[in-house]
Amino acid sequence: MNLGVIAAFAYGILAIVGGIMGYVQARSQVSLLSGGFSGFLLILFAYWQLQGQPWGLTLAAGVTGVLVVVFAVRFAKTRKFMPAGLMIVLGALALVLMVHQLVVG
């Protein structure tokens, strides 16, 4: 297993956990649904990559890129590091690892 796939799995798990925490703390059903859905997609796409589907990591990178943009918009509005800033930093790191794997192979 390579770093890009590990990053996709880890960011997917983080998105799910973050969605659950958003629901528990603020009763935000949007956080629960969006975190759960995007986390599920990231884990699914990473799994597909492991099963030999070369486009799995491309899709995971796409979802990660969308999440980074969404959290950047949220951070610009709230100016709070938690959770948006943390998700931007970790998402950017995961995205760099995924794109590196896609480019290098």
PDB file of N, CA and C in Angstrom:
ATOM      1  N   MET A   1       0.866  -1.176   0.000  1.00  0.00           N
ATOM      2  CA  MET A   1       0.000   0.000   0.000  1.00  0.00           C
ATOM      3  C   MET A   1       0.908   1.234   0.000  1.00  0.00           C
ATOM      4  N   ASN A   2       0.552   2.231  -0.784  1.00  0.00           N
ATOM      5  CA  ASN A   2       1.392   3.415  -0.903  1.00  0.00           C
ATOM      6  C   ASN A   2       0.787   4.595  -0.145  1.00  0.00           C
ATOM      7  N   LEU A   3       1.547   5.676  -0.074  1.00  0.00           N
ATOM      8  CA  LEU A   3       1.146   6.826   0.745  1.00  0.00           C
ATOM      9  C   LEU A   3      -0.125   7.504   0.242  1.00  0.00           C
ATOM     10  N   GLY A   4      -0.341   7.547  -1.075  1.00  0.00           N
ATOM     11  CA  GLY A   4      -1.548   8.169  -1.609  1.00  0.00           C
ATOM     12  C   GLY A   4      -2.810   7.458  -1.162  1.00  0.00           C
ATOM     13  N   VAL A   5      -2.773   6.138  -1.181  1.00  0.00           N
ATOM     14  CA  VAL A   5      -3.932   5.348  -0.745  1.00  0.00           C
ATOM     15  C   VAL A   5      -4.135   5.480   0.757  1.00  0.00           C
ATOM     16  N   ILE A   6      -3.043   5.453   1.498  1.00  0.00           N
ATOM     17  CA  ILE A   6      -3.137   5.634   2.954  1.00  0.00           C
ATOM     18  C   ILE A   6      -3.728   7.002   3.271  1.00  0.00           C
ATOM     19  N   ALA A   7      -3.297   8.033   2.538  1.00  0.00           N
ATOM     20  CA  ALA A   7      -3.819   9.383   2.756  1.00  0.00           C
ATOM     21  C   ALA A   7      -5.312   9.448   2.461  1.00  0.00           C
ATOM     22  N   ALA A   8      -5.756   8.771   1.399  1.00  0.00           N
ATOM     23  CA  ALA A   8      -7.182   8.763   1.058  1.00  0.00           C
ATOM     24  C   ALA A   8      -7.991   8.067   2.155  1.00  0.00           C
ATOM     25  N   PHE A   9      -7.506   6.913   2.621  1.00  0.00           N
ATOM     26  CA  PHE A   9      -8.189   6.218   3.721  1.00  0.00           C
ATOM     27  C   PHE A   9      -8.243   7.095   4.972  1.00  0.00           C
ATOM     28  N   ALA A  10      -7.105   7.672   5.331  1.00  0.00           N
ATOM     29  CA  ALA A  10      -7.029   8.469   6.563  1.00  0.00           C
ATOM     30  C   ALA A  10      -7.920   9.702   6.487  1.00  0.00           C
ATOM     31  N   TYR A  11      -7.906  10.406   5.363  1.00  0.00           N
ATOM     32  CA  TYR A  11      -8.734  11.605   5.241  1.00  0.00           C
ATOM     33  C   TYR A  11     -10.212  11.226   5.204  1.00  0.00           C
ATOM     34  N   GLY A  12     -10.518  10.071   4.633  1.00  0.00           N
ATOM     35  CA  GLY A  12     -11.899   9.591   4.643  1.00  0.00           C
ATOM     36  C   GLY A  12     -12.388   9.307   6.059  1.00  0.00           C
ATOM     37  N   ILE A  13     -11.556   8.650   6.828  1.00  0.00           N
ATOM     38  CA  ILE A  13     -11.916   8.368   8.221  1.00  0.00           C
ATOM     39  C   ILE A  13     -12.058   9.666   8.997  1.00  0.00           C
ATOM     40  N   LEU A  14     -11.141  10.605   8.764  1.00  0.00           N
ATOM     41  CA  LEU A  14     -11.200  11.903   9.435  1.00  0.00           C
ATOM     42  C   LEU A  14     -12.478  12.654   9.071  1.00  0.00           C
ATOM     43  N   ALA A  15     -12.901  12.582   7.816  1.00  0.00           N
ATOM     44  CA  ALA A  15     -14.130  13.253   7.394  1.00  0.00           C
ATOM     45  C   ALA A  15     -15.348  12.650   8.099  1.00  0.00           C
ATOM     46  N   ILE A  16     -15.371  11.334   8.212  1.00  0.00           N
ATOM     47  CA  ILE A  16     -16.487  10.674   8.903  1.00  0.00           C
ATOM     48  C   ILE A  16     -16.509  11.057  10.376  1.00  0.00           C
ATOM     49  N   VAL A  17     -15.361  10.987  11.022  1.00  0.00           N
ATOM     50  CA  VAL A  17     -15.278  11.337  12.446  1.00  0.00           C
ATOM     51  C   VAL A  17     -15.654  12.804  12.654  1.00  0.00           C
ATOM     52  N   GLY A  18     -15.188  13.675  11.764  1.00  0.00           N
ATOM     53  CA  GLY A  18     -15.538  15.092  11.865  1.00  0.00           C
ATOM     54  C   GLY A  18     -17.026  15.334  11.688  1.00  0.00           C
ATOM     55  N   GLY A  19     -17.645  14.605  10.777  1.00  0.00           N
ATOM     56  CA  GLY A  19     -19.094  14.724  10.593  1.00  0.00           C
ATOM     57  C   GLY A  19     -19.854  14.288  11.829  1.00  0.00           C
ATOM     58  N   ILE A  20     -19.404  13.212  12.443  1.00  0.00           N
ATOM     59  CA  ILE A  20     -20.042  12.737  13.680  1.00  0.00           C
ATOM     60  C   ILE A  20     -19.858  13.750  14.803  1.00  0.00           C
ATOM     61  N   MET A  21     -18.647  14.298  14.915  1.00  0.00           N
ATOM     62  CA  MET A  21     -18.398  15.295  15.961  1.00  0.00           C
ATOM     63  C   MET A  21     -19.234  16.551  15.736  1.00  0.00           C
ATOM     64  N   GLY A  22     -19.379  16.963  14.491  1.00  0.00           N
ATOM     65  CA  GLY A  22     -20.212  18.128  14.183  1.00  0.00           C
ATOM     66  C   GLY A  22     -21.659  17.893  14.560  1.00  0.00           C
ATOM     67  N   TYR A  23     -22.112  16.670  14.373  1.00  0.00           N
ATOM     68  CA  TYR A  23     -23.487  16.347  14.742  1.00  0.00           C
ATOM     69  C   TYR A  23     -23.647  16.317  16.264  1.00  0.00           C
ATOM     70  N   VAL A  24     -22.695  15.699  16.945  1.00  0.00           N
ATOM     71  CA  VAL A  24     -22.784  15.578  18.404  1.00  0.00           C
ATOM     72  C   VAL A  24     -22.707  16.950  19.070  1.00  0.00           C
ATOM     73  N   GLN A  25     -21.797  17.807  18.605  1.00  0.00           N
ATOM     74  CA  GLN A  25     -21.593  19.101  19.256  1.00  0.00           C
ATOM     75  C   GLN A  25     -22.652  20.137  18.884  1.00  0.00           C
ATOM     76  N   ALA A  26     -23.055  20.159  17.608  1.00  0.00           N
ATOM     77  CA  ALA A  26     -23.946  21.232  17.161  1.00  0.00           C
ATOM     78  C   ALA A  26     -25.272  20.718  16.601  1.00  0.00           C
ATOM     79  N   ARG A  27     -25.483  19.411  16.684  1.00  0.00           N
ATOM     80  CA  ARG A  27     -26.696  18.801  16.111  1.00  0.00           C
ATOM     81  C   ARG A  27     -26.837  19.142  14.622  1.00  0.00           C
ATOM     82  N   SER A  28     -25.694  19.222  13.946  1.00  0.00           N
ATOM     83  CA  SER A  28     -25.670  19.578  12.527  1.00  0.00           C
ATOM     84  C   SER A  28     -25.831  18.322  11.683  1.00  0.00           C
ATOM     85  N   GLN A  29     -27.032  18.158  11.142  1.00  0.00           N
ATOM     86  CA  GLN A  29     -27.270  17.017  10.264  1.00  0.00           C
ATOM     87  C   GLN A  29     -26.489  17.163   8.962  1.00  0.00           C
ATOM     88  N   VAL A  30     -26.253  18.401   8.538  1.00  0.00           N
ATOM     89  CA  VAL A  30     -25.468  18.642   7.326  1.00  0.00           C
ATOM     90  C   VAL A  30     -24.042  18.119   7.516  1.00  0.00           C
ATOM     91  N   SER A  31     -23.451  18.383   8.682  1.00  0.00           N
ATOM     92  CA  SER A  31     -22.105  17.880   8.965  1.00  0.00           C
ATOM     93  C   SER A  31     -22.079  16.363   8.949  1.00  0.00           C
ATOM     94  N   LEU A  32     -23.064  15.758   9.563  1.00  0.00           N
ATOM     95  CA  LEU A  32     -23.127  14.303   9.615  1.00  0.00           C
ATOM     96  C   LEU A  32     -23.252  13.712   8.217  1.00  0.00           C
ATOM     97  N   LEU A  33     -24.158  14.238   7.420  1.00  0.00           N
ATOM     98  CA  LEU A  33     -24.373  13.702   6.075  1.00  0.00           C
ATOM     99  C   LEU A  33     -23.190  13.982   5.154  1.00  0.00           C
ATOM    100  N   SER A  34     -22.697  15.204   5.148  1.00  0.00           N
ATOM    101  CA  SER A  34     -21.600  15.527   4.236  1.00  0.00           C
ATOM    102  C   SER A  34     -20.305  14.833   4.650  1.00  0.00           C
ATOM    103  N   GLY A  35     -20.021  14.796   5.938  1.00  0.00           N
ATOM    104  CA  GLY A  35     -18.828  14.099   6.415  1.00  0.00           C
ATOM    105  C   GLY A  35     -18.903  12.611   6.164  1.00  0.00           C
ATOM    106  N   GLY A  36     -20.065  12.041   6.428  1.00  0.00           N
ATOM    107  CA  GLY A  36     -20.241  10.609   6.197  1.00  0.00           C
ATOM    108  C   GLY A  36     -20.156  10.255   4.729  1.00  0.00           C
ATOM    109  N   PHE A  37     -20.807  11.040   3.886  1.00  0.00           N
ATOM    110  CA  PHE A  37     -20.824  10.753   2.454  1.00  0.00           C
ATOM    111  C   PHE A  37     -19.442  10.933   1.828  1.00  0.00           C
ATOM    112  N   SER A  38     -18.792  12.060   2.123  1.00  0.00           N
ATOM    113  CA  SER A  38     -17.475  12.290   1.525  1.00  0.00           C
ATOM    114  C   SER A  38     -16.440  11.307   2.076  1.00  0.00           C
ATOM    115  N   GLY A  39     -16.524  10.995   3.354  1.00  0.00           N
ATOM    116  CA  GLY A  39     -15.616  10.002   3.930  1.00  0.00           C
ATOM    117  C   GLY A  39     -15.817   8.628   3.326  1.00  0.00           C
ATOM    118  N   PHE A  40     -17.080   8.241   3.138  1.00  0.00           N
ATOM    119  CA  PHE A  40     -17.385   6.961   2.493  1.00  0.00           C
ATOM    120  C   PHE A  40     -16.803   6.919   1.086  1.00  0.00           C
ATOM    121  N   LEU A  41     -16.983   8.004   0.326  1.00  0.00           N
ATOM    122  CA  LEU A  41     -16.447   8.046  -1.038  1.00  0.00           C
ATOM    123  C   LEU A  41     -14.925   7.912  -1.042  1.00  0.00           C
ATOM    124  N   LEU A  42     -14.257   8.622  -0.151  1.00  0.00           N
ATOM    125  CA  LEU A  42     -12.798   8.545  -0.097  1.00  0.00           C
ATOM    126  C   LEU A  42     -12.322   7.131   0.220  1.00  0.00           C
ATOM    127  N   ILE A  43     -12.962   6.500   1.164  1.00  0.00           N
ATOM    128  CA  ILE A  43     -12.576   5.128   1.522  1.00  0.00           C
ATOM    129  C   ILE A  43     -12.883   4.174   0.367  1.00  0.00           C
ATOM    130  N   LEU A  44     -14.025   4.332  -0.262  1.00  0.00           N
ATOM    131  CA  LEU A  44     -14.397   3.490  -1.396  1.00  0.00           C
ATOM    132  C   LEU A  44     -13.412   3.655  -2.555  1.00  0.00           C
ATOM    133  N   PHE A  45     -13.065   4.897  -2.887  1.00  0.00           N
ATOM    134  CA  PHE A  45     -12.148   5.131  -4.000  1.00  0.00           C
ATOM    135  C   PHE A  45     -10.750   4.607  -3.691  1.00  0.00           C
ATOM    136  N   ALA A  46     -10.302   4.729  -2.445  1.00  0.00           N
ATOM    137  CA  ALA A  46      -8.999   4.178  -2.056  1.00  0.00           C
ATOM    138  C   ALA A  46      -9.033   2.654  -2.162  1.00  0.00           C
ATOM    139  N   TYR A  47     -10.135   2.051  -1.767  1.00  0.00           N
ATOM    140  CA  TYR A  47     -10.279   0.603  -1.885  1.00  0.00           C
ATOM    141  C   TYR A  47     -10.222   0.172  -3.349  1.00  0.00           C
ATOM    142  N   TRP A  48     -10.899   0.933  -4.205  1.00  0.00           N
ATOM    143  CA  TRP A  48     -10.869   0.611  -5.635  1.00  0.00           C
ATOM    144  C   TRP A  48      -9.448   0.686  -6.182  1.00  0.00           C
ATOM    145  N   GLN A  49      -8.690   1.669  -5.740  1.00  0.00           N
ATOM    146  CA  GLN A  49      -7.297   1.781  -6.162  1.00  0.00           C
ATOM    147  C   GLN A  49      -6.526   0.533  -5.741  1.00  0.00           C
ATOM    148  N   LEU A  50      -6.766   0.068  -4.530  1.00  0.00           N
ATOM    149  CA  LEU A  50      -6.100  -1.145  -4.059  1.00  0.00           C
ATOM    150  C   LEU A  50      -6.512  -2.375  -4.866  1.00  0.00           C
ATOM    151  N   GLN A  51      -7.709  -2.361  -5.415  1.00  0.00           N
ATOM    152  CA  GLN A  51      -8.204  -3.484  -6.213  1.00  0.00           C
ATOM    153  C   GLN A  51      -7.748  -3.408  -7.668  1.00  0.00           C
ATOM    154  N   GLY A  52      -6.892  -2.456  -7.976  1.00  0.00           N
ATOM    155  CA  GLY A  52      -6.333  -2.371  -9.311  1.00  0.00           C
ATOM    156  C   GLY A  52      -7.054  -1.435 -10.259  1.00  0.00           C
ATOM    157  N   GLN A  53      -7.960  -0.637  -9.740  1.00  0.00           N
ATOM    158  CA  GLN A  53      -8.653   0.362 -10.562  1.00  0.00           C
ATOM    159  C   GLN A  53      -7.835   1.653 -10.522  1.00  0.00           C
ATOM    160  N   PRO A  54      -7.120   1.973 -11.605  1.00  0.00           N
ATOM    161  CA  PRO A  54      -6.213   3.126 -11.549  1.00  0.00           C
ATOM    162  C   PRO A  54      -6.918   4.465 -11.375  1.00  0.00           C
ATOM    163  N   TRP A  55      -8.180   4.546 -11.658  1.00  0.00           N
ATOM    164  CA  TRP A  55      -8.912   5.804 -11.525  1.00  0.00           C
ATOM    165  C   TRP A  55      -9.425   6.016 -10.100  1.00  0.00           C
ATOM    166  N   GLY A  56      -9.287   5.028  -9.231  1.00  0.00           N
ATOM    167  CA  GLY A  56      -9.757   5.172  -7.853  1.00  0.00           C
ATOM    168  C   GLY A  56      -9.097   6.330  -7.134  1.00  0.00           C
ATOM    169  N   LEU A  57      -7.788   6.433  -7.278  1.00  0.00           N
ATOM    170  CA  LEU A  57      -7.063   7.506  -6.593  1.00  0.00           C
ATOM    171  C   LEU A  57      -7.344   8.859  -7.240  1.00  0.00           C
ATOM    172  N   THR A  58      -7.602   8.863  -8.529  1.00  0.00           N
ATOM    173  CA  THR A  58      -7.967  10.117  -9.204  1.00  0.00           C
ATOM    174  C   THR A  58      -9.271  10.661  -8.634  1.00  0.00           C
ATOM    175  N   LEU A  59     -10.251   9.782  -8.452  1.00  0.00           N
ATOM    176  CA  LEU A  59     -11.526  10.200  -7.869  1.00  0.00           C
ATOM    177  C   LEU A  59     -11.344  10.658  -6.420  1.00  0.00           C
ATOM    178  N   ALA A  60     -10.511   9.940  -5.668  1.00  0.00           N
ATOM    179  CA  ALA A  60     -10.244  10.324  -4.276  1.00  0.00           C
ATOM    180  C   ALA A  60      -9.589  11.707  -4.223  1.00  0.00           C
ATOM    181  N   ALA A  61      -8.670  11.968  -5.136  1.00  0.00           N
ATOM    182  CA  ALA A  61      -8.028  13.287  -5.182  1.00  0.00           C
ATOM    183  C   ALA A  61      -9.049  14.366  -5.523  1.00  0.00           C
ATOM    184  N   GLY A  62      -9.982  14.057  -6.400  1.00  0.00           N
ATOM    185  CA  GLY A  62     -11.028  15.016  -6.742  1.00  0.00           C
ATOM    186  C   GLY A  62     -11.903  15.361  -5.551  1.00  0.00           C
ATOM    187  N   VAL A  63     -12.325  14.332  -4.808  1.00  0.00           N
ATOM    188  CA  VAL A  63     -13.150  14.561  -3.610  1.00  0.00           C
ATOM    189  C   VAL A  63     -12.362  15.365  -2.583  1.00  0.00           C
ATOM    190  N   THR A  64     -11.105  15.032  -2.405  1.00  0.00           N
ATOM    191  CA  THR A  64     -10.265  15.755  -1.452  1.00  0.00           C
ATOM    192  C   THR A  64     -10.116  17.218  -1.857  1.00  0.00           C
ATOM    193  N   GLY A  65      -9.911  17.469  -3.138  1.00  0.00           N
ATOM    194  CA  GLY A  65      -9.809  18.841  -3.622  1.00  0.00           C
ATOM    195  C   GLY A  65     -11.069  19.641  -3.356  1.00  0.00           C
ATOM    196  N   VAL A  66     -12.219  19.019  -3.591  1.00  0.00           N
ATOM    197  CA  VAL A  66     -13.501  19.694  -3.315  1.00  0.00           C
ATOM    198  C   VAL A  66     -13.621  19.999  -1.824  1.00  0.00           C
ATOM    199  N   LEU A  67     -13.249  19.044  -0.989  1.00  0.00           N
ATOM    200  CA  LEU A  67     -13.332  19.269   0.460  1.00  0.00           C
ATOM    201  C   LEU A  67     -12.406  20.397   0.907  1.00  0.00           C
ATOM    202  N   VAL A  68     -11.214  20.468   0.346  1.00  0.00           N
ATOM    203  CA  VAL A  68     -10.288  21.542   0.708  1.00  0.00           C
ATOM    204  C   VAL A  68     -10.896  22.899   0.348  1.00  0.00           C
ATOM    205  N   VAL A  69     -11.511  22.996  -0.818  1.00  0.00           N
ATOM    206  CA  VAL A  69     -12.146  24.259  -1.228  1.00  0.00           C
ATOM    207  C   VAL A  69     -13.314  24.592  -0.305  1.00  0.00           C
ATOM    208  N   VAL A  70     -14.142  23.614   0.007  1.00  0.00           N
ATOM    209  CA  VAL A  70     -15.295  23.843   0.896  1.00  0.00           C
ATOM    210  C   VAL A  70     -14.827  24.328   2.263  1.00  0.00           C
ATOM    211  N   PHE A  71     -13.801  23.681   2.797  1.00  0.00           N
ATOM    212  CA  PHE A  71     -13.299  24.096   4.105  1.00  0.00           C
ATOM    213  C   PHE A  71     -12.588  25.446   4.035  1.00  0.00           C
ATOM    214  N   ALA A  72     -11.977  25.773   2.908  1.00  0.00           N
ATOM    215  CA  ALA A  72     -11.352  27.090   2.754  1.00  0.00           C
ATOM    216  C   ALA A  72     -12.409  28.191   2.777  1.00  0.00           C
ATOM    217  N   VAL A  73     -13.535  27.957   2.115  1.00  0.00           N
ATOM    218  CA  VAL A  73     -14.634  28.921   2.140  1.00  0.00           C
ATOM    219  C   VAL A  73     -15.170  29.064   3.562  1.00  0.00           C
ATOM    220  N   ARG A  74     -15.327  27.941   4.241  1.00  0.00           N
ATOM    221  CA  ARG A  74     -15.820  27.969   5.615  1.00  0.00           C
ATOM    222  C   ARG A  74     -14.846  28.703   6.532  1.00  0.00           C
ATOM    223  N   PHE A  75     -13.540  28.452   6.333  1.00  0.00           N
ATOM    224  CA  PHE A  75     -12.534  29.131   7.149  1.00  0.00           C
ATOM    225  C   PHE A  75     -12.545  30.643   6.892  1.00  0.00           C
ATOM    226  N   ALA A  76     -12.725  31.037   5.638  1.00  0.00           N
ATOM    227  CA  ALA A  76     -12.772  32.461   5.303  1.00  0.00           C
ATOM    228  C   ALA A  76     -13.942  33.144   5.997  1.00  0.00           C
ATOM    229  N   LYS A  77     -15.039  32.427   6.179  1.00  0.00           N
ATOM    230  CA  LYS A  77     -16.211  33.010   6.842  1.00  0.00           C
ATOM    231  C   LYS A  77     -16.053  33.069   8.357  1.00  0.00           C
ATOM    232  N   THR A  78     -15.518  31.987   8.945  1.00  0.00           N
ATOM    233  CA  THR A  78     -15.496  31.894  10.408  1.00  0.00           C
ATOM    234  C   THR A  78     -14.188  32.355  11.034  1.00  0.00           C
ATOM    235  N   ARG A  79     -13.096  32.244  10.298  1.00  0.00           N
ATOM    236  CA  ARG A  79     -11.752  32.541  10.812  1.00  0.00           C
ATOM    237  C   ARG A  79     -11.388  31.678  12.017  1.00  0.00           C
ATOM    238  N   LYS A  80     -12.013  30.515  12.138  1.00  0.00           N
ATOM    239  CA  LYS A  80     -11.707  29.588  13.224  1.00  0.00           C
ATOM    240  C   LYS A  80     -10.910  28.410  12.664  1.00  0.00           C
ATOM    241  N   PHE A  81      -9.798  28.109  13.335  1.00  0.00           N
ATOM    242  CA  PHE A  81      -8.959  27.016  12.860  1.00  0.00           C
ATOM    243  C   PHE A  81      -9.657  25.667  12.977  1.00  0.00           C
ATOM    244  N   MET A  82     -10.423  25.486  14.031  1.00  0.00           N
ATOM    245  CA  MET A  82     -11.119  24.209  14.228  1.00  0.00           C
ATOM    246  C   MET A  82     -12.564  24.343  13.790  1.00  0.00           C
ATOM    247  N   PRO A  83     -13.056  23.498  12.948  1.00  0.00           N
ATOM    248  CA  PRO A  83     -12.386  22.378  12.292  1.00  0.00           C
ATOM    249  C   PRO A  83     -11.870  22.720  10.897  1.00  0.00           C
ATOM    250  N   ALA A  84     -12.291  23.871  10.352  1.00  0.00           N
ATOM    251  CA  ALA A  84     -12.012  24.162   8.941  1.00  0.00           C
ATOM    252  C   ALA A  84     -10.517  24.253   8.642  1.00  0.00           C
ATOM    253  N   GLY A  85      -9.772  24.978   9.457  1.00  0.00           N
ATOM    254  CA  GLY A  85      -8.341  25.137   9.206  1.00  0.00           C
ATOM    255  C   GLY A  85      -7.596  23.820   9.259  1.00  0.00           C
ATOM    256  N   LEU A  86      -7.931  23.004  10.239  1.00  0.00           N
ATOM    257  CA  LEU A  86      -7.295  21.691  10.353  1.00  0.00           C
ATOM    258  C   LEU A  86      -7.603  20.828   9.141  1.00  0.00           C
ATOM    259  N   MET A  87      -8.848  20.843   8.686  1.00  0.00           N
ATOM    260  CA  MET A  87      -9.229  20.040   7.526  1.00  0.00           C
ATOM    261  C   MET A  87      -8.566  20.555   6.250  1.00  0.00           C
ATOM    262  N   ILE A  88      -8.307  21.855   6.168  1.00  0.00           N
ATOM    263  CA  ILE A  88      -7.583  22.391   5.017  1.00  0.00           C
ATOM    264  C   ILE A  88      -6.146  21.871   5.008  1.00  0.00           C
ATOM    265  N   VAL A  89      -5.470  21.973   6.142  1.00  0.00           N
ATOM    266  CA  VAL A  89      -4.079  21.548   6.232  1.00  0.00           C
ATOM    267  C   VAL A  89      -3.948  20.053   5.946  1.00  0.00           C
ATOM    268  N   LEU A  90      -4.769  19.245   6.616  1.00  0.00           N
ATOM    269  CA  LEU A  90      -4.678  17.800   6.417  1.00  0.00           C
ATOM    270  C   LEU A  90      -5.147  17.388   5.025  1.00  0.00           C
ATOM    271  N   GLY A  91      -6.161  18.080   4.504  1.00  0.00           N
ATOM    272  CA  GLY A  91      -6.631  17.794   3.155  1.00  0.00           C
ATOM    273  C   GLY A  91      -5.590  18.140   2.104  1.00  0.00           C
ATOM    274  N   ALA A  92      -4.917  19.267   2.280  1.00  0.00           N
ATOM    275  CA  ALA A  92      -3.862  19.657   1.339  1.00  0.00           C
ATOM    276  C   ALA A  92      -2.717  18.651   1.368  1.00  0.00           C
ATOM    277  N   LEU A  93      -2.350  18.198   2.563  1.00  0.00           N
ATOM    278  CA  LEU A  93      -1.304  17.185   2.688  1.00  0.00           C
ATOM    279  C   LEU A  93      -1.723  15.888   1.995  1.00  0.00           C
ATOM    280  N   ALA A  94      -2.955  15.451   2.251  1.00  0.00           N
ATOM    281  CA  ALA A  94      -3.450  14.234   1.607  1.00  0.00           C
ATOM    282  C   ALA A  94      -3.490  14.406   0.089  1.00  0.00           C
ATOM    283  N   LEU A  95      -3.915  15.570  -0.368  1.00  0.00           N
ATOM    284  CA  LEU A  95      -3.988  15.831  -1.803  1.00  0.00           C
ATOM    285  C   LEU A  95      -2.601  15.802  -2.449  1.00  0.00           C
ATOM    286  N   VAL A  96      -1.615  16.377  -1.782  1.00  0.00           N
ATOM    287  CA  VAL A  96      -0.249  16.347  -2.308  1.00  0.00           C
ATOM    288  C   VAL A  96       0.243  14.904  -2.431  1.00  0.00           C
ATOM    289  N   LEU A  97      -0.030  14.092  -1.434  1.00  0.00           N
ATOM    290  CA  LEU A  97       0.398  12.683  -1.482  1.00  0.00           C
ATOM    291  C   LEU A  97      -0.315  11.932  -2.599  1.00  0.00           C
ATOM    292  N   MET A  98      -1.602  12.179  -2.782  1.00  0.00           N
ATOM    293  CA  MET A  98      -2.355  11.498  -3.841  1.00  0.00           C
ATOM    294  C   MET A  98      -1.870  11.918  -5.214  1.00  0.00           C
ATOM    295  N   VAL A  99      -1.710  13.218  -5.413  1.00  0.00           N
ATOM    296  CA  VAL A  99      -1.263  13.706  -6.728  1.00  0.00           C
ATOM    297  C   VAL A  99       0.151  13.233  -7.016  1.00  0.00           C
ATOM    298  N   HIS A 100       1.003  13.220  -6.012  1.00  0.00           N
ATOM    299  CA  HIS A 100       2.359  12.706  -6.211  1.00  0.00           C
ATOM    300  C   HIS A 100       2.323  11.261  -6.680  1.00  0.00           C
ATOM    301  N   GLN A 101       1.503  10.461  -6.065  1.00  0.00           N
ATOM    302  CA  GLN A 101       1.392   9.070  -6.481  1.00  0.00           C
ATOM    303  C   GLN A 101       0.856   8.951  -7.902  1.00  0.00           C
ATOM    304  N   LEU A 102      -0.115   9.799  -8.242  1.00  0.00           N
ATOM    305  CA  LEU A 102      -0.672   9.758  -9.585  1.00  0.00           C
ATOM    306  C   LEU A 102       0.360  10.156 -10.639  1.00  0.00           C
ATOM    307  N   VAL A 103       1.190  11.134 -10.316  1.00  0.00           N
ATOM    308  CA  VAL A 103       2.185  11.619 -11.274  1.00  0.00           C
ATOM    309  C   VAL A 103       3.373  10.645 -11.389  1.00  0.00           C
ATOM    310  N   VAL A 104       3.876  10.223 -10.242  1.00  0.00           N
ATOM    311  CA  VAL A 104       5.060   9.361 -10.226  1.00  0.00           C
ATOM    312  C   VAL A 104       4.690   7.921 -10.587  1.00  0.00           C
ATOM    313  N   GLY A 105       3.539   7.500 -10.095  1.00  0.00           N
ATOM    314  CA  GLY A 105       3.088   6.149 -10.427  1.00  0.00           C
ATOM    315  C   GLY A 105       3.330   5.205  -9.392  1.00  0.00           C
TER     316      GLY A 105
END
